């Protein structure tokens, strides 16, 4: 049997931070997708988030909305980027290889109350950011 070296407490802590950031990203992207759908019903098919393999825990590379109306794509991308930045994510489009996280139909699996909470959470973050920008 092959002996596996013990990981240091620092390495284990870093791994847990990365896992926590991944869980947070999934929740944030789901909430942003619900928020986008509320503002433009029937247009967003799914929301794709791309990350570089070298992204830090709080970074994303690209936001790609898949839409039913091509003209709406840029507007929804800009709105999604602003919302994700308000939720604490940094856009870092530089780099090469990316991997994607897709959110598809997430709003349909949430209860009405959960959907409202997701929308409110994104709007609160956006309002807090615009309040900081105005100061």
C-alpha atoms as a PDB file:
ATOM      1  CA  UNK A   1       0.000   0.000   0.000  1.00  0.00           C
ATOM      2  CA  UNK A   2       1.286   3.474  -0.907  1.00  0.00           C
ATOM      3  CA  UNK A   3       1.704   5.953   1.929  1.00  0.00           C
ATOM      4  CA  UNK A   4       0.059   9.292   1.333  1.00  0.00           C
ATOM      5  CA  UNK A   5       1.780  12.263   3.006  1.00  0.00           C
ATOM      6  CA  UNK A   6      -0.213  14.188   5.578  1.00  0.00           C
ATOM      7  CA  UNK A   7      -1.450  17.582   4.442  1.00  0.00           C
ATOM      8  CA  UNK A   8      -0.502  20.564   6.541  1.00  0.00           C
ATOM      9  CA  UNK A   9      -3.189  22.480   8.429  1.00  0.00           C
ATOM     10  CA  UNK A  10      -2.563  25.431   6.089  1.00  0.00           C
ATOM     11  CA  UNK A  11      -3.163  23.268   3.020  1.00  0.00           C
ATOM     12  CA  UNK A  12      -6.325  21.799   4.538  1.00  0.00           C
ATOM     13  CA  UNK A  13      -7.577  25.287   5.406  1.00  0.00           C
ATOM     14  CA  UNK A  14      -6.879  26.517   1.865  1.00  0.00           C
ATOM     15  CA  UNK A  15      -8.732  23.524   0.424  1.00  0.00           C
ATOM     16  CA  UNK A  16     -11.742  24.244   2.634  1.00  0.00           C
ATOM     17  CA  UNK A  17     -11.722  27.938   1.609  1.00  0.00           C
ATOM     18  CA  UNK A  18     -11.759  26.862  -2.047  1.00  0.00           C
ATOM     19  CA  UNK A  19     -14.650  24.436  -1.465  1.00  0.00           C
ATOM     20  CA  UNK A  20     -16.584  27.126   0.431  1.00  0.00           C
ATOM     21  CA  UNK A  21     -15.983  29.620  -2.396  1.00  0.00           C
ATOM     22  CA  UNK A  22     -17.248  27.068  -4.953  1.00  0.00           C
ATOM     23  CA  UNK A  23     -20.437  26.535  -2.924  1.00  0.00           C
ATOM     24  CA  UNK A  24     -20.877  30.298  -2.603  1.00  0.00           C
ATOM     25  CA  UNK A  25     -20.390  30.763  -6.352  1.00  0.00           C
ATOM     26  CA  UNK A  26     -23.069  28.192  -7.131  1.00  0.00           C
ATOM     27  CA  UNK A  27     -25.516  29.961  -4.818  1.00  0.00           C
ATOM     28  CA  UNK A  28     -24.622  33.421  -6.119  1.00  0.00           C
ATOM     29  CA  UNK A  29     -24.942  32.366  -9.762  1.00  0.00           C
ATOM     30  CA  UNK A  30     -28.281  30.694  -9.066  1.00  0.00           C
ATOM     31  CA  UNK A  31     -29.560  33.847  -7.359  1.00  0.00           C
ATOM     32  CA  UNK A  32     -28.315  36.079 -10.195  1.00  0.00           C
ATOM     33  CA  UNK A  33     -30.009  33.797 -12.750  1.00  0.00           C
ATOM     34  CA  UNK A  34     -33.297  34.045 -10.814  1.00  0.00           C
ATOM     35  CA  UNK A  35     -32.877  37.836 -10.616  1.00  0.00           C
ATOM     36  CA  UNK A  36     -32.200  38.084 -14.365  1.00  0.00           C
ATOM     37  CA  UNK A  37     -35.207  35.889 -15.154  1.00  0.00           C
ATOM     38  CA  UNK A  38     -37.433  38.101 -13.004  1.00  0.00           C
ATOM     39  CA  UNK A  39     -36.323  41.193 -14.923  1.00  0.00           C
ATOM     40  CA  UNK A  40     -36.530  39.594 -18.377  1.00  0.00           C
ATOM     41  CA  UNK A  41     -38.922  36.614 -18.218  1.00  0.00           C
ATOM     42  CA  UNK A  42     -38.431  33.915 -20.813  1.00  0.00           C
ATOM     43  CA  UNK A  43     -35.181  35.300 -22.239  1.00  0.00           C
ATOM     44  CA  UNK A  44     -32.488  33.612 -20.143  1.00  0.00           C
ATOM     45  CA  UNK A  45     -32.037  29.938 -21.000  1.00  0.00           C
ATOM     46  CA  UNK A  46     -29.059  29.399 -18.713  1.00  0.00           C
ATOM     47  CA  UNK A  47     -26.206  31.334 -17.206  1.00  0.00           C
ATOM     48  CA  UNK A  48     -22.659  30.115 -17.769  1.00  0.00           C
ATOM     49  CA  UNK A  49     -19.805  31.217 -15.543  1.00  0.00           C
ATOM     50  CA  UNK A  50     -16.282  30.513 -16.707  1.00  0.00           C
ATOM     51  CA  UNK A  51     -13.248  30.378 -14.461  1.00  0.00           C
ATOM     52  CA  UNK A  52      -9.582  30.014 -15.295  1.00  0.00           C
ATOM     53  CA  UNK A  53      -7.818  27.106 -13.692  1.00  0.00           C
ATOM     54  CA  UNK A  54      -5.602  29.669 -11.949  1.00  0.00           C
ATOM     55  CA  UNK A  55      -8.446  31.870 -10.644  1.00  0.00           C
ATOM     56  CA  UNK A  56      -8.320  32.823  -7.017  1.00  0.00           C
ATOM     57  CA  UNK A  57     -11.289  31.762  -4.916  1.00  0.00           C
ATOM     58  CA  UNK A  58     -13.114  35.108  -5.399  1.00  0.00           C
ATOM     59  CA  UNK A  59     -12.440  35.449  -9.140  1.00  0.00           C
ATOM     60  CA  UNK A  60     -14.374  34.521 -12.269  1.00  0.00           C
ATOM     61  CA  UNK A  61     -13.217  34.865 -15.859  1.00  0.00           C
ATOM     62  CA  UNK A  62     -16.349  35.322 -17.959  1.00  0.00           C
ATOM     63  CA  UNK A  63     -20.135  35.528 -17.664  1.00  0.00           C
ATOM     64  CA  UNK A  64     -22.019  34.067 -20.622  1.00  0.00           C
ATOM     65  CA  UNK A  65     -25.810  34.269 -20.658  1.00  0.00           C
ATOM     66  CA  UNK A  66     -27.458  31.875 -23.097  1.00  0.00           C
ATOM     67  CA  UNK A  67     -30.591  33.657 -24.292  1.00  0.00           C
ATOM     68  CA  UNK A  68     -33.600  33.232 -26.573  1.00  0.00           C
ATOM     69  CA  UNK A  69     -33.213  36.761 -27.976  1.00  0.00           C
ATOM     70  CA  UNK A  70     -29.706  37.478 -29.229  1.00  0.00           C
ATOM     71  CA  UNK A  71     -30.017  41.247 -28.767  1.00  0.00           C
ATOM     72  CA  UNK A  72     -30.626  40.747 -25.037  1.00  0.00           C
ATOM     73  CA  UNK A  73     -27.369  38.846 -24.485  1.00  0.00           C
ATOM     74  CA  UNK A  74     -25.086  41.844 -23.958  1.00  0.00           C
ATOM     75  CA  UNK A  75     -27.529  43.582 -21.649  1.00  0.00           C
ATOM     76  CA  UNK A  76     -28.007  40.467 -19.527  1.00  0.00           C
ATOM     77  CA  UNK A  77     -24.256  39.817 -19.445  1.00  0.00           C
ATOM     78  CA  UNK A  78     -23.567  43.341 -18.208  1.00  0.00           C
ATOM     79  CA  UNK A  79     -26.303  43.059 -15.576  1.00  0.00           C
ATOM     80  CA  UNK A  80     -25.050  39.637 -14.434  1.00  0.00           C
ATOM     81  CA  UNK A  81     -21.471  40.922 -14.204  1.00  0.00           C
ATOM     82  CA  UNK A  82     -22.562  43.911 -12.097  1.00  0.00           C
ATOM     83  CA  UNK A  83     -24.634  41.656  -9.832  1.00  0.00           C
ATOM     84  CA  UNK A  84     -21.814  39.159  -9.330  1.00  0.00           C
ATOM     85  CA  UNK A  85     -19.378  41.979  -8.587  1.00  0.00           C
ATOM     86  CA  UNK A  86     -21.858  43.372  -6.051  1.00  0.00           C
ATOM     87  CA  UNK A  87     -21.916  39.922  -4.438  1.00  0.00           C
ATOM     88  CA  UNK A  88     -18.125  40.069  -4.066  1.00  0.00           C
ATOM     89  CA  UNK A  89     -16.769  38.392  -7.213  1.00  0.00           C
ATOM     90  CA  UNK A  90     -13.928  39.884  -9.242  1.00  0.00           C
ATOM     91  CA  UNK A  91     -13.862  39.583 -13.025  1.00  0.00           C
ATOM     92  CA  UNK A  92     -10.456  38.433 -14.310  1.00  0.00           C
ATOM     93  CA  UNK A  93     -10.840  37.674 -18.022  1.00  0.00           C
ATOM     94  CA  UNK A  94      -7.085  37.319 -18.575  1.00  0.00           C
ATOM     95  CA  UNK A  95      -5.752  33.822 -19.019  1.00  0.00           C
ATOM     96  CA  UNK A  96      -6.214  30.827 -21.250  1.00  0.00           C
ATOM     97  CA  UNK A  97      -7.931  27.636 -20.234  1.00  0.00           C
ATOM     98  CA  UNK A  98     -11.338  27.975 -18.636  1.00  0.00           C
ATOM     99  CA  UNK A  99     -13.872  25.623 -17.147  1.00  0.00           C
ATOM    100  CA  UNK A 100     -17.563  26.396 -16.910  1.00  0.00           C
ATOM    101  CA  UNK A 101     -20.311  26.317 -14.323  1.00  0.00           C
ATOM    102  CA  UNK A 102     -23.779  26.223 -15.846  1.00  0.00           C
ATOM    103  CA  UNK A 103     -26.966  27.241 -14.109  1.00  0.00           C
ATOM    104  CA  UNK A 104     -29.994  26.046 -15.994  1.00  0.00           C
ATOM    105  CA  UNK A 105     -33.568  26.291 -14.839  1.00  0.00           C
ATOM    106  CA  UNK A 106     -32.520  26.882 -11.235  1.00  0.00           C
ATOM    107  CA  UNK A 107     -35.344  29.341 -10.615  1.00  0.00           C
ATOM    108  CA  UNK A 108     -37.860  26.644 -11.450  1.00  0.00           C
ATOM    109  CA  UNK A 109     -36.695  24.416  -8.584  1.00  0.00           C
ATOM    110  CA  UNK A 110     -36.937  27.150  -5.980  1.00  0.00           C
ATOM    111  CA  UNK A 111     -40.109  27.821  -4.086  1.00  0.00           C
ATOM    112  CA  UNK A 112     -41.779  31.170  -4.678  1.00  0.00           C
ATOM    113  CA  UNK A 113     -40.461  32.392  -1.313  1.00  0.00           C
ATOM    114  CA  UNK A 114     -36.911  31.203  -2.121  1.00  0.00           C
ATOM    115  CA  UNK A 115     -37.087  32.952  -5.493  1.00  0.00           C
ATOM    116  CA  UNK A 116     -38.134  36.202  -3.856  1.00  0.00           C
ATOM    117  CA  UNK A 117     -35.330  35.834  -1.308  1.00  0.00           C
ATOM    118  CA  UNK A 118     -32.801  35.303  -4.143  1.00  0.00           C
ATOM    119  CA  UNK A 119     -34.027  38.406  -5.985  1.00  0.00           C
ATOM    120  CA  UNK A 120     -33.987  40.461  -2.794  1.00  0.00           C
ATOM    121  CA  UNK A 121     -30.468  39.281  -1.944  1.00  0.00           C
ATOM    122  CA  UNK A 122     -29.110  40.371  -5.342  1.00  0.00           C
ATOM    123  CA  UNK A 123     -30.961  43.694  -5.255  1.00  0.00           C
ATOM    124  CA  UNK A 124     -29.682  44.397  -1.728  1.00  0.00           C
ATOM    125  CA  UNK A 125     -26.096  43.731  -2.870  1.00  0.00           C
ATOM    126  CA  UNK A 126     -26.580  45.956  -5.936  1.00  0.00           C
ATOM    127  CA  UNK A 127     -28.054  48.754  -3.808  1.00  0.00           C
ATOM    128  CA  UNK A 128     -25.231  48.495  -1.277  1.00  0.00           C
ATOM    129  CA  UNK A 129     -22.676  48.719  -4.087  1.00  0.00           C
ATOM    130  CA  UNK A 130     -24.348  51.722  -5.710  1.00  0.00           C
ATOM    131  CA  UNK A 131     -24.494  53.397  -2.299  1.00  0.00           C
ATOM    132  CA  UNK A 132     -20.742  52.889  -1.849  1.00  0.00           C
ATOM    133  CA  UNK A 133     -20.083  54.175  -5.365  1.00  0.00           C
ATOM    134  CA  UNK A 134     -22.050  57.358  -4.674  1.00  0.00           C
ATOM    135  CA  UNK A 135     -19.927  58.215  -1.641  1.00  0.00           C
END
